[in-house]
Amino acid sequence: MIMRYQKEINHLKGADPALTQLIERCGPCTLSPDAADPFAALCESILYQQLSGKAAATIASRFKALYGDAYPHPAQLLKTKDEVLRGVGISRGKLLALQDLARKAQDGAVDFKAILKMDDDAVIHHLIQVRGIGRWTAEMFLIFNLGRLDVFPVLDLGIQKGVQKLYGYKKLPAESTMRKHAEKWKPYRTIATWYLWRQVDG
């Protein structure tokens, strides 16, 4: 059986003995990006912000139920009354973010076809124009929707904990320390990130 990301994993193993041990403990990388519906992916990211996975999944399920158990198209979302969206548990801030995303997707301010041709930094700057989308959300989009291989979400708490555990730091490492370690993993920092998440997840 051909393992996914074998070239990337071989590079990481050759670059970092500590990460090699983690990779061998965790086994094959099962990261599987899905570029089918970028608008839906960003809607989901907004819904999941600052909530536990279980609570966010419940709200997302209720939200999709409004549209036949699927994420809506931008026009559908914009036609839905605020009180209906608030009724499924969406906060005021997230409601405004979803509507802003839908408007910008509809009028072309957010251009999903153009994004495919942009480099990672350009994608991030393109997306953070949307209310409620910051760098972390844009980085998750790069990883899980676009499948970009060299993303390192240094502000992600799971990654901070992963680096702390991997190298035995007594407290969460500074951003500069994390970036120094991650230099060794280029150009496949996304795969290293996946393994750091797995370490924190146990």
N, C-alpha and C. Protein backbone atom coordinates (compact mmCIF):
# COMPACT_ATOMS: atom_id res chain seq x y z
N MET A 1 0.84 -1.19 0.00
CA MET A 1 0.00 0.00 0.00
C MET A 1 0.88 1.25 0.00
N ILE A 2 0.57 2.20 -0.87
CA ILE A 2 1.33 3.44 -0.94
C ILE A 2 0.84 4.40 0.16
N MET A 3 1.77 4.84 0.98
CA MET A 3 1.41 5.78 2.04
C MET A 3 1.30 7.18 1.48
N ARG A 4 0.29 7.93 1.94
CA ARG A 4 0.18 9.33 1.56
C ARG A 4 1.27 10.13 2.25
N TYR A 5 1.73 11.16 1.58
CA TYR A 5 2.72 12.09 2.13
C TYR A 5 4.06 11.42 2.46
N GLN A 6 4.40 10.35 1.75
CA GLN A 6 5.64 9.65 2.07
C GLN A 6 6.86 10.54 1.86
N LYS A 7 6.87 11.30 0.76
CA LYS A 7 8.01 12.20 0.49
C LYS A 7 8.14 13.24 1.59
N GLU A 8 7.00 13.81 1.99
CA GLU A 8 7.02 14.84 3.02
C GLU A 8 7.48 14.28 4.36
N ILE A 9 7.00 13.09 4.68
CA ILE A 9 7.38 12.46 5.95
C ILE A 9 8.86 12.11 5.97
N ASN A 10 9.37 11.61 4.85
CA ASN A 10 10.80 11.29 4.77
C ASN A 10 11.65 12.55 4.99
N HIS A 11 11.19 13.67 4.43
CA HIS A 11 11.90 14.93 4.62
C HIS A 11 11.92 15.33 6.10
N LEU A 12 10.77 15.23 6.75
CA LEU A 12 10.67 15.61 8.16
C LEU A 12 11.53 14.72 9.04
N LYS A 13 11.55 13.43 8.73
CA LYS A 13 12.36 12.51 9.51
C LYS A 13 13.85 12.82 9.37
N GLY A 14 14.23 13.23 8.19
CA GLY A 14 15.63 13.56 7.96
C GLY A 14 16.04 14.88 8.58
N ALA A 15 15.04 15.70 8.92
CA ALA A 15 15.33 17.05 9.40
C ALA A 15 15.29 17.19 10.91
N ASP A 16 14.56 16.29 11.60
CA ASP A 16 14.30 16.52 13.02
C ASP A 16 14.11 15.19 13.76
N PRO A 17 15.13 14.77 14.55
CA PRO A 17 15.02 13.50 15.28
C PRO A 17 13.83 13.44 16.24
N ALA A 18 13.51 14.56 16.90
CA ALA A 18 12.38 14.57 17.84
C ALA A 18 11.08 14.33 17.10
N LEU A 19 10.91 14.98 15.96
CA LEU A 19 9.71 14.79 15.18
C LEU A 19 9.66 13.38 14.59
N THR A 20 10.83 12.80 14.29
CA THR A 20 10.87 11.42 13.79
C THR A 20 10.23 10.47 14.79
N GLN A 21 10.54 10.63 16.06
CA GLN A 21 9.96 9.77 17.09
C GLN A 21 8.45 9.92 17.16
N LEU A 22 7.98 11.15 17.04
CA LEU A 22 6.54 11.41 17.07
C LEU A 22 5.86 10.76 15.87
N ILE A 23 6.45 10.90 14.70
CA ILE A 23 5.87 10.31 13.49
C ILE A 23 5.78 8.80 13.63
N GLU A 24 6.83 8.18 14.17
CA GLU A 24 6.82 6.73 14.31
C GLU A 24 5.79 6.27 15.33
N ARG A 25 5.54 7.07 16.35
CA ARG A 25 4.50 6.72 17.33
C ARG A 25 3.10 6.85 16.73
N CYS A 26 2.89 7.88 15.92
CA CYS A 26 1.55 8.19 15.40
C CYS A 26 1.19 7.41 14.14
N GLY A 27 2.19 7.01 13.37
CA GLY A 27 1.91 6.27 12.15
C GLY A 27 1.60 7.18 10.97
N PRO A 28 0.96 6.63 9.93
CA PRO A 28 0.73 7.40 8.69
C PRO A 28 -0.10 8.65 8.91
N CYS A 29 0.16 9.66 8.13
CA CYS A 29 -0.62 10.90 8.15
C CYS A 29 -1.91 10.69 7.37
N THR A 30 -3.02 10.97 8.00
CA THR A 30 -4.33 10.76 7.36
C THR A 30 -5.01 12.08 7.00
N LEU A 31 -4.24 13.16 6.98
CA LEU A 31 -4.80 14.44 6.57
C LEU A 31 -5.41 14.33 5.18
N SER A 32 -6.66 14.78 5.04
CA SER A 32 -7.36 14.64 3.77
C SER A 32 -8.14 15.92 3.46
N PRO A 33 -7.50 16.89 2.85
CA PRO A 33 -8.17 18.16 2.53
C PRO A 33 -9.36 17.96 1.60
N ASP A 34 -10.36 18.84 1.76
CA ASP A 34 -11.57 18.76 0.95
C ASP A 34 -11.87 20.14 0.38
N ALA A 35 -11.64 20.28 -0.93
CA ALA A 35 -11.82 21.57 -1.59
C ALA A 35 -13.18 21.70 -2.26
N ALA A 36 -14.11 20.80 -1.91
CA ALA A 36 -15.39 20.73 -2.64
C ALA A 36 -16.19 22.03 -2.53
N ASP A 37 -16.25 22.64 -1.35
CA ASP A 37 -17.09 23.82 -1.16
C ASP A 37 -16.41 24.80 -0.23
N PRO A 38 -15.61 25.71 -0.77
CA PRO A 38 -14.87 26.64 0.10
C PRO A 38 -15.77 27.55 0.92
N PHE A 39 -16.91 27.94 0.39
CA PHE A 39 -17.83 28.79 1.16
C PHE A 39 -18.32 28.04 2.39
N ALA A 40 -18.70 26.77 2.20
CA ALA A 40 -19.15 25.95 3.33
C ALA A 40 -18.05 25.77 4.36
N ALA A 41 -16.81 25.58 3.89
CA ALA A 41 -15.69 25.40 4.80
C ALA A 41 -15.49 26.62 5.69
N LEU A 42 -15.63 27.80 5.12
CA LEU A 42 -15.46 29.03 5.90
C LEU A 42 -16.64 29.26 6.84
N CYS A 43 -17.85 28.92 6.39
CA CYS A 43 -19.01 28.98 7.30
C CYS A 43 -18.77 28.11 8.52
N GLU A 44 -18.30 26.90 8.28
CA GLU A 44 -18.06 25.98 9.39
C GLU A 44 -16.98 26.51 10.32
N SER A 45 -15.92 27.08 9.74
CA SER A 45 -14.85 27.65 10.57
C SER A 45 -15.38 28.75 11.48
N ILE A 46 -16.23 29.60 10.94
CA ILE A 46 -16.82 30.67 11.73
C ILE A 46 -17.66 30.10 12.87
N LEU A 47 -18.48 29.11 12.56
CA LEU A 47 -19.35 28.51 13.58
C LEU A 47 -18.55 27.85 14.69
N TYR A 48 -17.39 27.30 14.36
CA TYR A 48 -16.61 26.55 15.34
C TYR A 48 -15.70 27.42 16.20
N GLN A 49 -15.56 28.69 15.85
CA GLN A 49 -14.66 29.55 16.60
C GLN A 49 -15.08 29.68 18.06
N GLN A 50 -14.10 29.49 18.96
CA GLN A 50 -14.26 29.74 20.41
C GLN A 50 -15.35 28.89 21.05
N LEU A 51 -15.61 27.72 20.48
CA LEU A 51 -16.56 26.79 21.07
C LEU A 51 -15.92 25.41 21.16
N SER A 52 -16.41 24.60 22.09
CA SER A 52 -15.98 23.21 22.12
C SER A 52 -16.48 22.52 20.86
N GLY A 53 -15.80 21.46 20.47
CA GLY A 53 -16.20 20.74 19.26
C GLY A 53 -17.64 20.25 19.32
N LYS A 54 -18.05 19.77 20.49
CA LYS A 54 -19.41 19.23 20.63
C LYS A 54 -20.46 20.33 20.49
N ALA A 55 -20.24 21.45 21.15
CA ALA A 55 -21.21 22.55 21.08
C ALA A 55 -21.29 23.11 19.66
N ALA A 56 -20.13 23.26 19.02
CA ALA A 56 -20.10 23.80 17.67
C ALA A 56 -20.79 22.84 16.69
N ALA A 57 -20.56 21.56 16.87
CA ALA A 57 -21.17 20.57 15.97
C ALA A 57 -22.69 20.60 16.09
N THR A 58 -23.19 20.81 17.29
CA THR A 58 -24.64 20.89 17.50
C THR A 58 -25.22 22.09 16.76
N ILE A 59 -24.57 23.24 16.89
CA ILE A 59 -25.06 24.45 16.21
C ILE A 59 -24.95 24.30 14.70
N ALA A 60 -23.82 23.74 14.24
CA ALA A 60 -23.64 23.54 12.80
C ALA A 60 -24.71 22.61 12.23
N SER A 61 -25.05 21.58 12.98
CA SER A 61 -26.09 20.64 12.53
C SER A 61 -27.44 21.33 12.42
N ARG A 62 -27.79 22.16 13.40
CA ARG A 62 -29.05 22.90 13.37
C ARG A 62 -29.06 23.91 12.22
N PHE A 63 -27.91 24.54 12.01
CA PHE A 63 -27.78 25.50 10.93
C PHE A 63 -28.02 24.83 9.57
N LYS A 64 -27.37 23.69 9.35
CA LYS A 64 -27.51 22.98 8.07
C LYS A 64 -28.93 22.44 7.88
N ALA A 65 -29.58 22.11 9.00
CA ALA A 65 -30.95 21.60 8.91
C ALA A 65 -31.90 22.64 8.29
N LEU A 66 -31.55 23.91 8.40
CA LEU A 66 -32.37 24.96 7.79
C LEU A 66 -32.35 24.89 6.26
N TYR A 67 -31.33 24.21 5.73
CA TYR A 67 -31.13 24.19 4.28
C TYR A 67 -31.07 22.76 3.73
N GLY A 68 -31.84 21.87 4.32
CA GLY A 68 -31.86 20.50 3.82
C GLY A 68 -30.64 19.70 4.21
N ASP A 69 -30.09 19.99 5.39
CA ASP A 69 -28.94 19.28 5.94
C ASP A 69 -27.67 19.51 5.13
N ALA A 70 -27.50 20.72 4.66
CA ALA A 70 -26.28 21.09 3.94
C ALA A 70 -26.00 22.57 4.19
N TYR A 71 -24.75 22.97 4.02
CA TYR A 71 -24.45 24.39 4.14
C TYR A 71 -25.09 25.14 2.97
N PRO A 72 -25.59 26.34 3.23
CA PRO A 72 -26.29 27.08 2.17
C PRO A 72 -25.34 27.73 1.18
N HIS A 73 -25.88 28.15 0.04
CA HIS A 73 -25.18 29.03 -0.87
C HIS A 73 -25.29 30.46 -0.30
N PRO A 74 -24.41 31.35 -0.72
CA PRO A 74 -24.46 32.72 -0.19
C PRO A 74 -25.84 33.37 -0.30
N ALA A 75 -26.51 33.23 -1.44
CA ALA A 75 -27.82 33.86 -1.62
C ALA A 75 -28.85 33.29 -0.64
N GLN A 76 -28.79 31.98 -0.41
CA GLN A 76 -29.71 31.36 0.55
C GLN A 76 -29.52 31.91 1.94
N LEU A 77 -28.27 32.04 2.33
CA LEU A 77 -27.98 32.53 3.67
C LEU A 77 -28.49 33.96 3.84
N LEU A 78 -28.26 34.79 2.83
CA LEU A 78 -28.66 36.19 2.93
C LEU A 78 -30.17 36.38 2.94
N LYS A 79 -30.92 35.41 2.43
CA LYS A 79 -32.38 35.48 2.44
C LYS A 79 -32.98 35.01 3.77
N THR A 80 -32.16 34.39 4.61
CA THR A 80 -32.64 33.85 5.88
C THR A 80 -32.71 34.95 6.93
N LYS A 81 -33.83 35.05 7.60
CA LYS A 81 -34.03 36.11 8.60
C LYS A 81 -33.08 35.92 9.78
N ASP A 82 -32.67 37.05 10.33
CA ASP A 82 -31.74 37.03 11.46
C ASP A 82 -32.27 36.18 12.61
N GLU A 83 -33.56 36.33 12.91
CA GLU A 83 -34.11 35.61 14.07
C GLU A 83 -34.11 34.10 13.86
N VAL A 84 -34.19 33.67 12.61
CA VAL A 84 -34.12 32.23 12.32
C VAL A 84 -32.71 31.71 12.60
N LEU A 85 -31.72 32.45 12.15
CA LEU A 85 -30.33 32.06 12.37
C LEU A 85 -29.96 32.12 13.86
N ARG A 86 -30.42 33.16 14.52
CA ARG A 86 -30.16 33.26 15.96
C ARG A 86 -30.85 32.14 16.71
N GLY A 87 -31.97 31.67 16.16
CA GLY A 87 -32.75 30.62 16.81
C GLY A 87 -32.07 29.26 16.86
N VAL A 88 -31.05 29.04 15.99
CA VAL A 88 -30.34 27.76 16.04
C VAL A 88 -29.08 27.85 16.90
N GLY A 89 -28.91 29.01 17.58
CA GLY A 89 -27.81 29.13 18.53
C GLY A 89 -26.62 29.92 18.04
N ILE A 90 -26.76 30.60 16.89
CA ILE A 90 -25.66 31.39 16.35
C ILE A 90 -25.61 32.75 17.04
N SER A 91 -24.46 33.10 17.55
CA SER A 91 -24.31 34.37 18.26
C SER A 91 -24.44 35.54 17.29
N ARG A 92 -24.67 36.72 17.86
CA ARG A 92 -24.80 37.91 17.03
C ARG A 92 -23.54 38.17 16.21
N GLY A 93 -22.38 38.01 16.85
CA GLY A 93 -21.12 38.25 16.15
C GLY A 93 -20.91 37.28 14.99
N LYS A 94 -21.23 36.02 15.22
CA LYS A 94 -21.06 35.03 14.16
C LYS A 94 -22.09 35.21 13.05
N LEU A 95 -23.27 35.65 13.42
CA LEU A 95 -24.30 35.95 12.42
C LEU A 95 -23.80 37.04 11.46
N LEU A 96 -23.23 38.10 12.02
CA LEU A 96 -22.72 39.18 11.20
C LEU A 96 -21.55 38.72 10.33
N ALA A 97 -20.72 37.83 10.88
CA ALA A 97 -19.59 37.30 10.12
C ALA A 97 -20.07 36.44 8.95
N LEU A 98 -21.04 35.58 9.20
CA LEU A 98 -21.59 34.73 8.14
C LEU A 98 -22.21 35.57 7.03
N GLN A 99 -22.94 36.60 7.42
CA GLN A 99 -23.58 37.46 6.42
C GLN A 99 -22.55 38.25 5.63
N ASP A 100 -21.50 38.70 6.29
CA ASP A 100 -20.46 39.44 5.58
C ASP A 100 -19.74 38.53 4.59
N LEU A 101 -19.46 37.30 5.01
CA LEU A 101 -18.85 36.32 4.11
C LEU A 101 -19.74 36.07 2.90
N ALA A 102 -21.04 35.89 3.14
CA ALA A 102 -21.98 35.62 2.05
C ALA A 102 -22.03 36.79 1.07
N ARG A 103 -22.09 38.01 1.61
CA ARG A 103 -22.13 39.19 0.73
C ARG A 103 -20.87 39.30 -0.11
N LYS A 104 -19.72 39.09 0.52
CA LYS A 104 -18.45 39.23 -0.20
C LYS A 104 -18.26 38.09 -1.21
N ALA A 105 -18.77 36.92 -0.89
CA ALA A 105 -18.71 35.82 -1.86
C ALA A 105 -19.63 36.08 -3.04
N GLN A 106 -20.77 36.68 -2.75
CA GLN A 106 -21.76 36.93 -3.80
C GLN A 106 -21.30 38.05 -4.74
N ASP A 107 -20.69 39.10 -4.19
CA ASP A 107 -20.30 40.23 -5.05
C ASP A 107 -18.87 40.10 -5.60
N GLY A 108 -18.19 39.02 -5.25
CA GLY A 108 -16.86 38.77 -5.80
C GLY A 108 -15.71 39.36 -5.03
N ALA A 109 -15.99 40.03 -3.92
CA ALA A 109 -14.90 40.57 -3.10
C ALA A 109 -14.03 39.43 -2.56
N VAL A 110 -14.68 38.31 -2.25
CA VAL A 110 -13.97 37.06 -1.97
C VAL A 110 -14.15 36.18 -3.19
N ASP A 111 -13.06 35.91 -3.87
CA ASP A 111 -13.09 35.18 -5.15
C ASP A 111 -12.44 33.81 -4.95
N PHE A 112 -13.26 32.78 -4.84
CA PHE A 112 -12.73 31.45 -4.54
C PHE A 112 -11.94 30.86 -5.70
N LYS A 113 -12.26 31.22 -6.91
CA LYS A 113 -11.48 30.74 -8.06
C LYS A 113 -10.11 31.41 -8.09
N ALA A 114 -10.08 32.69 -7.80
CA ALA A 114 -8.80 33.40 -7.78
C ALA A 114 -7.89 32.90 -6.66
N ILE A 115 -8.49 32.53 -5.53
CA ILE A 115 -7.73 32.05 -4.38
C ILE A 115 -6.86 30.85 -4.75
N LEU A 116 -7.36 30.00 -5.63
CA LEU A 116 -6.63 28.79 -6.00
C LEU A 116 -5.26 29.11 -6.59
N LYS A 117 -5.11 30.29 -7.19
CA LYS A 117 -3.86 30.66 -7.84
C LYS A 117 -2.98 31.53 -6.95
N MET A 118 -3.46 31.88 -5.77
CA MET A 118 -2.70 32.75 -4.87
C MET A 118 -1.73 31.96 -4.03
N ASP A 119 -0.63 32.61 -3.60
CA ASP A 119 0.23 31.97 -2.63
C ASP A 119 -0.42 32.07 -1.24
N ASP A 120 0.17 31.40 -0.27
CA ASP A 120 -0.46 31.28 1.05
C ASP A 120 -0.72 32.64 1.70
N ASP A 121 0.28 33.52 1.69
CA ASP A 121 0.11 34.82 2.32
C ASP A 121 -0.99 35.64 1.64
N ALA A 122 -1.07 35.54 0.32
CA ALA A 122 -2.10 36.28 -0.41
C ALA A 122 -3.49 35.75 -0.06
N VAL A 123 -3.62 34.43 0.10
CA VAL A 123 -4.90 33.85 0.51
C VAL A 123 -5.31 34.40 1.87
N ILE A 124 -4.38 34.43 2.80
CA ILE A 124 -4.68 34.93 4.14
C ILE A 124 -5.15 36.38 4.08
N HIS A 125 -4.44 37.23 3.35
CA HIS A 125 -4.83 38.64 3.26
C HIS A 125 -6.17 38.80 2.54
N HIS A 126 -6.46 37.91 1.60
CA HIS A 126 -7.73 37.96 0.88
C HIS A 126 -8.90 37.62 1.80
N LEU A 127 -8.69 36.66 2.68
CA LEU A 127 -9.79 36.18 3.52
C LEU A 127 -10.01 37.03 4.77
N ILE A 128 -8.96 37.64 5.30
CA ILE A 128 -9.16 38.38 6.56
C ILE A 128 -9.90 39.70 6.35
N GLN A 129 -10.23 40.02 5.10
CA GLN A 129 -11.11 41.16 4.86
C GLN A 129 -12.54 40.87 5.34
N VAL A 130 -12.86 39.60 5.54
CA VAL A 130 -14.19 39.21 5.99
C VAL A 130 -14.28 39.36 7.50
N ARG A 131 -15.35 39.95 7.95
CA ARG A 131 -15.60 40.10 9.39
C ARG A 131 -15.55 38.71 10.04
N GLY A 132 -14.84 38.61 11.15
CA GLY A 132 -14.81 37.36 11.90
C GLY A 132 -13.80 36.33 11.40
N ILE A 133 -13.11 36.63 10.30
CA ILE A 133 -12.07 35.72 9.82
C ILE A 133 -10.72 36.35 10.08
N GLY A 134 -9.94 35.71 10.93
CA GLY A 134 -8.59 36.17 11.22
C GLY A 134 -7.56 35.23 10.63
N ARG A 135 -6.33 35.43 11.01
CA ARG A 135 -5.24 34.63 10.43
C ARG A 135 -5.42 33.14 10.71
N TRP A 136 -5.83 32.78 11.95
CA TRP A 136 -5.97 31.36 12.29
C TRP A 136 -7.01 30.69 11.39
N THR A 137 -8.16 31.32 11.22
CA THR A 137 -9.21 30.74 10.38
C THR A 137 -8.73 30.59 8.94
N ALA A 138 -8.01 31.59 8.44
CA ALA A 138 -7.48 31.51 7.08
C ALA A 138 -6.45 30.38 6.96
N GLU A 139 -5.65 30.19 7.99
CA GLU A 139 -4.66 29.10 7.96
C GLU A 139 -5.34 27.73 7.97
N MET A 140 -6.43 27.59 8.74
CA MET A 140 -7.17 26.34 8.72
C MET A 140 -7.76 26.07 7.34
N PHE A 141 -8.19 27.12 6.66
CA PHE A 141 -8.70 27.01 5.30
C PHE A 141 -7.59 26.53 4.36
N LEU A 142 -6.40 27.09 4.51
CA LEU A 142 -5.27 26.67 3.69
C LEU A 142 -4.97 25.19 3.87
N ILE A 143 -5.05 24.71 5.10
CA ILE A 143 -4.72 23.32 5.39
C ILE A 143 -5.82 22.37 4.95
N PHE A 144 -7.05 22.64 5.42
CA PHE A 144 -8.11 21.64 5.28
C PHE A 144 -8.94 21.79 4.01
N ASN A 145 -8.88 22.96 3.36
CA ASN A 145 -9.64 23.13 2.13
C ASN A 145 -8.71 23.15 0.91
N LEU A 146 -7.64 23.91 0.97
CA LEU A 146 -6.76 24.03 -0.19
C LEU A 146 -5.63 23.01 -0.20
N GLY A 147 -5.39 22.35 0.93
CA GLY A 147 -4.36 21.32 0.97
C GLY A 147 -2.94 21.86 0.82
N ARG A 148 -2.70 23.09 1.28
CA ARG A 148 -1.36 23.66 1.18
C ARG A 148 -0.42 22.96 2.17
N LEU A 149 0.80 22.71 1.76
CA LEU A 149 1.69 21.83 2.52
C LEU A 149 2.65 22.54 3.46
N ASP A 150 2.73 23.87 3.41
CA ASP A 150 3.73 24.55 4.23
C ASP A 150 3.11 25.61 5.13
N VAL A 151 2.05 25.22 5.83
CA VAL A 151 1.35 26.14 6.75
C VAL A 151 1.73 25.78 8.18
N PHE A 152 2.07 26.80 8.97
CA PHE A 152 2.41 26.59 10.38
C PHE A 152 1.63 27.58 11.23
N PRO A 153 0.49 27.16 11.78
CA PRO A 153 -0.37 28.08 12.56
C PRO A 153 0.18 28.31 13.96
N VAL A 154 1.12 29.22 14.05
CA VAL A 154 1.88 29.42 15.28
C VAL A 154 1.00 29.91 16.43
N LEU A 155 -0.15 30.51 16.13
CA LEU A 155 -1.04 31.01 17.18
C LEU A 155 -2.01 29.95 17.70
N ASP A 156 -1.99 28.77 17.10
CA ASP A 156 -2.89 27.70 17.51
C ASP A 156 -2.42 27.09 18.83
N LEU A 157 -3.32 27.03 19.81
CA LEU A 157 -2.94 26.53 21.14
C LEU A 157 -2.48 25.08 21.08
N GLY A 158 -3.12 24.28 20.24
CA GLY A 158 -2.72 22.88 20.12
C GLY A 158 -1.29 22.75 19.60
N ILE A 159 -0.92 23.60 18.66
CA ILE A 159 0.44 23.58 18.13
C ILE A 159 1.43 24.06 19.19
N GLN A 160 1.05 25.06 19.94
CA GLN A 160 1.92 25.54 21.03
C GLN A 160 2.16 24.42 22.05
N LYS A 161 1.09 23.72 22.41
CA LYS A 161 1.23 22.61 23.36
C LYS A 161 2.03 21.46 22.75
N GLY A 162 1.83 21.25 21.44
CA GLY A 162 2.55 20.18 20.77
C GLY A 162 4.05 20.43 20.75
N VAL A 163 4.47 21.65 20.46
CA VAL A 163 5.89 21.99 20.47
C VAL A 163 6.45 21.91 21.89
N GLN A 164 5.67 22.37 22.86
CA GLN A 164 6.09 22.30 24.26
C GLN A 164 6.37 20.85 24.66
N LYS A 165 5.47 19.96 24.30
CA LYS A 165 5.62 18.55 24.68
C LYS A 165 6.74 17.88 23.90
N LEU A 166 6.84 18.19 22.61
CA LEU A 166 7.82 17.53 21.76
C LEU A 166 9.25 17.81 22.23
N TYR A 167 9.49 19.06 22.67
CA TYR A 167 10.85 19.44 23.04
C TYR A 167 11.05 19.58 24.55
N GLY A 168 10.03 19.27 25.33
CA GLY A 168 10.17 19.23 26.78
C GLY A 168 10.25 20.58 27.46
N TYR A 169 9.62 21.60 26.90
CA TYR A 169 9.60 22.91 27.55
C TYR A 169 8.67 22.88 28.76
N LYS A 170 9.03 23.64 29.80
CA LYS A 170 8.21 23.68 31.01
C LYS A 170 6.97 24.54 30.84
N LYS A 171 7.04 25.50 29.92
CA LYS A 171 5.87 26.34 29.64
C LYS A 171 5.72 26.48 28.13
N LEU A 172 4.61 27.06 27.71
CA LEU A 172 4.39 27.23 26.28
C LEU A 172 5.52 28.05 25.66
N PRO A 173 6.09 27.58 24.57
CA PRO A 173 7.22 28.28 23.97
C PRO A 173 6.80 29.60 23.31
N ALA A 174 7.75 30.50 23.22
CA ALA A 174 7.51 31.77 22.55
C ALA A 174 7.34 31.54 21.05
N GLU A 175 6.67 32.47 20.40
CA GLU A 175 6.44 32.36 18.96
C GLU A 175 7.77 32.24 18.21
N SER A 176 8.77 33.01 18.62
CA SER A 176 10.07 32.97 17.94
C SER A 176 10.72 31.59 18.08
N THR A 177 10.55 30.97 19.24
CA THR A 177 11.09 29.63 19.47
C THR A 177 10.41 28.61 18.57
N MET A 178 9.10 28.72 18.47
CA MET A 178 8.35 27.80 17.62
C MET A 178 8.76 27.94 16.15
N ARG A 179 8.90 29.18 15.71
CA ARG A 179 9.29 29.40 14.31
C ARG A 179 10.69 28.86 14.03
N LYS A 180 11.57 28.96 15.01
CA LYS A 180 12.92 28.44 14.84
C LYS A 180 12.89 26.92 14.64
N HIS A 181 12.11 26.22 15.46
CA HIS A 181 11.98 24.77 15.27
C HIS A 181 11.37 24.46 13.91
N ALA A 182 10.35 25.21 13.53
CA ALA A 182 9.61 24.93 12.31
C ALA A 182 10.43 25.19 11.05
N GLU A 183 11.51 25.97 11.16
CA GLU A 183 12.36 26.20 10.00
C GLU A 183 12.87 24.88 9.42
N LYS A 184 13.12 23.92 10.31
CA LYS A 184 13.65 22.63 9.87
C LYS A 184 12.62 21.85 9.04
N TRP A 185 11.37 22.17 9.24
CA TRP A 185 10.30 21.37 8.61
C TRP A 185 9.90 21.88 7.23
N LYS A 186 10.36 23.07 6.85
CA LYS A 186 10.00 23.60 5.54
C LYS A 186 10.51 22.66 4.44
N PRO A 187 9.80 22.49 3.35
CA PRO A 187 8.54 23.15 2.97
C PRO A 187 7.29 22.32 3.29
N TYR A 188 7.36 21.52 4.37
CA TYR A 188 6.24 20.64 4.69
C TYR A 188 5.75 20.84 6.12
N ARG A 189 5.63 22.10 6.53
CA ARG A 189 5.23 22.39 7.91
C ARG A 189 3.79 21.95 8.20
N THR A 190 2.95 21.87 7.19
CA THR A 190 1.58 21.38 7.42
C THR A 190 1.58 19.96 7.96
N ILE A 191 2.42 19.12 7.41
CA ILE A 191 2.47 17.72 7.86
C ILE A 191 3.00 17.65 9.29
N ALA A 192 4.01 18.44 9.59
CA ALA A 192 4.51 18.51 10.97
C ALA A 192 3.41 18.99 11.91
N THR A 193 2.64 19.98 11.46
CA THR A 193 1.52 20.51 12.24
C THR A 193 0.51 19.41 12.54
N TRP A 194 0.19 18.60 11.56
CA TRP A 194 -0.76 17.50 11.76
C TRP A 194 -0.27 16.56 12.86
N TYR A 195 1.02 16.22 12.84
CA TYR A 195 1.56 15.33 13.86
C TYR A 195 1.58 15.98 15.24
N LEU A 196 1.83 17.28 15.30
CA LEU A 196 1.78 17.97 16.60
C LEU A 196 0.37 17.93 17.16
N TRP A 197 -0.63 18.12 16.32
CA TRP A 197 -2.02 18.01 16.78
C TRP A 197 -2.30 16.59 17.31
N ARG A 198 -1.83 15.59 16.61
CA ARG A 198 -2.08 14.20 17.03
C ARG A 198 -1.44 13.94 18.40
N GLN A 199 -0.27 14.53 18.62
CA GLN A 199 0.39 14.33 19.90
C GLN A 199 -0.45 14.90 21.05
N VAL A 200 -0.99 16.08 20.85
CA VAL A 200 -1.83 16.71 21.87
C VAL A 200 -3.12 15.93 22.06
N ASP A 201 -3.67 15.40 20.98
CA ASP A 201 -4.90 14.62 21.07
C ASP A 201 -4.69 13.27 21.73
N GLY A 202 -3.43 12.86 21.87
CA GLY A 202 -3.15 11.58 22.51
C GLY A 202 -3.15 10.43 21.54
